[in-house]
Structures are given as structure tokens and as C-alpha cells.
Amino acid sequence: MPDAKTWYVYLLECKDGSIYTGIAIDVAARFAAHCAGKGARYTRAHPPLKILASVACEDMATALRAEIRIKKMRAKAKWIYANKLRDTG
């Protein structure tokens, strides 16, 4: 039986004030990859400053659905969502 890993959906604040959303098992390692220019194309063009928030998900599929839902939000809604996660987390 394969080792079950926890997937997270995470939000990064970028230098231009935008928010990048992604999924990962190891958010800190993924953030380091983004900072090193080895992450997504978006974060190579919009370097990340910090991890705003992350949420544990049941599995990869759930994390992907959450990522898609968050990416559809307007910028202001993403900031509100990230702040709520920080306040409750």
C-alpha cells in the first residue's frame, strides 16, 4: 500500500502584489523552488515574497479542485481568503 501524503493548496504573495496559487505535498520545498526560479512560469515572471497561507486537503484531486476555485477568484477575494486562513490557522 503506498504511503499516503497530505496535499496542500497554497497561496504565495508575489513582489508585484499578486497572489500565486498552487498545490504541493511539501509547501516549503515548493516555495524554495519558486524562489530559485524553478517553479511555475508565473513565479519566474512574478517572484514570490512569502507564503500567505496553505490548507491541507484530503487528497490530490481535492487540492486541484481547491486550486482551480481559488484561481477563479478576483484578486481582492484571494486576499480576503488568504487573510481568513491566516486568522483561523
C-alpha atoms as a PDB file:
ATOM      1  CA  MET A   1       0.000   0.000   0.000  1.00  0.00           C
ATOM      2  CA  PRO A   2       1.533   3.376  -0.988  1.00  0.00           C
ATOM      3  CA  ASP A   3       2.353   5.878   1.713  1.00  0.00           C
ATOM      4  CA  ALA A   4      -0.464   8.439   1.886  1.00  0.00           C
ATOM      5  CA  LYS A   5       0.786  12.010   1.658  1.00  0.00           C
ATOM      6  CA  THR A   6      -1.089  15.160   2.575  1.00  0.00           C
ATOM      7  CA  TRP A   7      -1.625  17.568  -0.300  1.00  0.00           C
ATOM      8  CA  TYR A   8      -1.891  21.301   0.295  1.00  0.00           C
ATOM      9  CA  VAL A   9      -3.228  24.183  -1.711  1.00  0.00           C
ATOM     10  CA  TYR A  10      -1.061  27.240  -1.043  1.00  0.00           C
ATOM     11  CA  LEU A  11      -1.089  30.952  -1.794  1.00  0.00           C
ATOM     12  CA  LEU A  12       2.079  32.997  -2.344  1.00  0.00           C
ATOM     13  CA  GLU A  13       2.416  36.754  -2.275  1.00  0.00           C
ATOM     14  CA  CYS A  14       4.490  37.941  -5.237  1.00  0.00           C
ATOM     15  CA  LYS A  15       6.688  41.052  -5.435  1.00  0.00           C
ATOM     16  CA  ASP A  16       4.150  42.854  -7.630  1.00  0.00           C
ATOM     17  CA  GLY A  17       1.365  42.289  -5.063  1.00  0.00           C
ATOM     18  CA  SER A  18      -0.284  39.465  -6.975  1.00  0.00           C
ATOM     19  CA  ILE A  19      -1.124  36.088  -5.469  1.00  0.00           C
ATOM     20  CA  TYR A  20       0.016  32.790  -6.955  1.00  0.00           C
ATOM     21  CA  THR A  21      -1.923  29.634  -6.067  1.00  0.00           C
ATOM     22  CA  GLY A  22      -0.584  26.105  -6.374  1.00  0.00           C
ATOM     23  CA  ILE A  23      -0.626  22.645  -4.818  1.00  0.00           C
ATOM     24  CA  ALA A  24       2.155  20.617  -3.245  1.00  0.00           C
ATOM     25  CA  ILE A  25       2.931  17.937  -0.695  1.00  0.00           C
ATOM     26  CA  ASP A  26       5.832  19.971   0.748  1.00  0.00           C
ATOM     27  CA  VAL A  27       4.860  23.650   0.612  1.00  0.00           C
ATOM     28  CA  ALA A  28       8.182  24.919   1.998  1.00  0.00           C
ATOM     29  CA  ALA A  29      10.181  22.980  -0.612  1.00  0.00           C
ATOM     30  CA  ARG A  30       7.851  24.157  -3.383  1.00  0.00           C
ATOM     31  CA  PHE A  31       8.205  27.772  -2.198  1.00  0.00           C
ATOM     32  CA  ALA A  32      12.000  27.375  -2.275  1.00  0.00           C
ATOM     33  CA  ALA A  33      11.741  26.067  -5.845  1.00  0.00           C
ATOM     34  CA  HIS A  34       9.622  29.070  -6.847  1.00  0.00           C
ATOM     35  CA  CYS A  35      12.159  31.423  -5.225  1.00  0.00           C
ATOM     36  CA  ALA A  36      15.002  29.700  -7.099  1.00  0.00           C
ATOM     37  CA  GLY A  37      13.220  30.235 -10.420  1.00  0.00           C
ATOM     38  CA  LYS A  38      12.452  26.519 -10.764  1.00  0.00           C
ATOM     39  CA  GLY A  39       8.737  26.753 -10.047  1.00  0.00           C
ATOM     40  CA  ALA A  40       5.900  27.806 -12.292  1.00  0.00           C
ATOM     41  CA  ARG A  41       6.346  30.154 -15.229  1.00  0.00           C
ATOM     42  CA  TYR A  42       4.188  32.711 -13.386  1.00  0.00           C
ATOM     43  CA  THR A  43       6.533  32.869 -10.397  1.00  0.00           C
ATOM     44  CA  ARG A  44       9.566  33.242 -12.664  1.00  0.00           C
ATOM     45  CA  ALA A  45       7.954  36.432 -14.013  1.00  0.00           C
ATOM     46  CA  HIS A  46       6.437  37.441 -10.637  1.00  0.00           C
ATOM     47  CA  PRO A  47       8.954  36.371  -7.960  1.00  0.00           C
ATOM     48  CA  PRO A  48       7.350  35.247  -4.688  1.00  0.00           C
ATOM     49  CA  LEU A  49       7.935  37.051  -1.400  1.00  0.00           C
ATOM     50  CA  LYS A  50       6.275  34.775   1.117  1.00  0.00           C
ATOM     51  CA  ILE A  51       3.767  32.025   1.733  1.00  0.00           C
ATOM     52  CA  LEU A  52       0.473  33.694   2.594  1.00  0.00           C
ATOM     53  CA  ALA A  53      -1.437  30.573   3.563  1.00  0.00           C
ATOM     54  CA  SER A  54      -1.809  26.872   2.957  1.00  0.00           C
ATOM     55  CA  VAL A  55      -4.651  24.432   3.529  1.00  0.00           C
ATOM     56  CA  ALA A  56      -4.383  20.672   3.941  1.00  0.00           C
ATOM     57  CA  CYS A  57      -6.600  18.724   1.565  1.00  0.00           C
ATOM     58  CA  GLU A  58      -7.980  15.206   1.645  1.00  0.00           C
ATOM     59  CA  ASP A  59      -6.076  14.159  -1.498  1.00  0.00           C
ATOM     60  CA  MET A  60      -4.532  15.497  -4.705  1.00  0.00           C
ATOM     61  CA  ALA A  61      -7.886  15.723  -6.506  1.00  0.00           C
ATOM     62  CA  THR A  62      -9.357  17.823  -3.691  1.00  0.00           C
ATOM     63  CA  ALA A  63      -6.304  20.088  -3.732  1.00  0.00           C
ATOM     64  CA  LEU A  64      -6.607  20.535  -7.505  1.00  0.00           C
ATOM     65  CA  ARG A  65     -10.296  21.452  -7.216  1.00  0.00           C
ATOM     66  CA  ALA A  66      -9.489  23.989  -4.491  1.00  0.00           C
ATOM     67  CA  GLU A  67      -6.664  25.446  -6.606  1.00  0.00           C
ATOM     68  CA  ILE A  68      -8.989  25.888  -9.581  1.00  0.00           C
ATOM     69  CA  ARG A  69     -11.662  27.507  -7.386  1.00  0.00           C
ATOM     70  CA  ILE A  70      -9.152  29.949  -5.886  1.00  0.00           C
ATOM     71  CA  LYS A  71      -7.592  30.810  -9.253  1.00  0.00           C
ATOM     72  CA  LYS A  72     -11.050  31.839 -10.496  1.00  0.00           C
ATOM     73  CA  MET A  73     -11.376  34.400  -7.679  1.00  0.00           C
ATOM     74  CA  ARG A  74     -10.719  38.070  -8.256  1.00  0.00           C
ATOM     75  CA  ALA A  75      -7.567  39.473  -6.655  1.00  0.00           C
ATOM     76  CA  LYS A  76      -9.398  41.145  -3.758  1.00  0.00           C
ATOM     77  CA  ALA A  77     -11.259  37.927  -2.952  1.00  0.00           C
ATOM     78  CA  LYS A  78      -7.957  35.999  -2.900  1.00  0.00           C
ATOM     79  CA  TRP A  79      -6.520  38.481  -0.382  1.00  0.00           C
ATOM     80  CA  ILE A  80      -9.622  38.184   1.810  1.00  0.00           C
ATOM     81  CA  TYR A  81      -9.450  34.391   1.605  1.00  0.00           C
ATOM     82  CA  ALA A  82      -5.729  34.328   2.478  1.00  0.00           C
ATOM     83  CA  ASN A  83      -6.314  36.645   5.449  1.00  0.00           C
ATOM     84  CA  LYS A  84      -9.165  34.457   6.729  1.00  0.00           C
ATOM     85  CA  LEU A  85      -6.916  31.392   6.514  1.00  0.00           C
ATOM     86  CA  ARG A  86      -4.175  33.155   8.463  1.00  0.00           C
ATOM     87  CA  ASP A  87      -6.633  34.369  11.098  1.00  0.00           C
ATOM     88  CA  THR A  88      -8.128  30.920  11.639  1.00  0.00           C
ATOM     89  CA  GLY A  89      -4.934  28.903  11.157  1.00  0.00           C
END
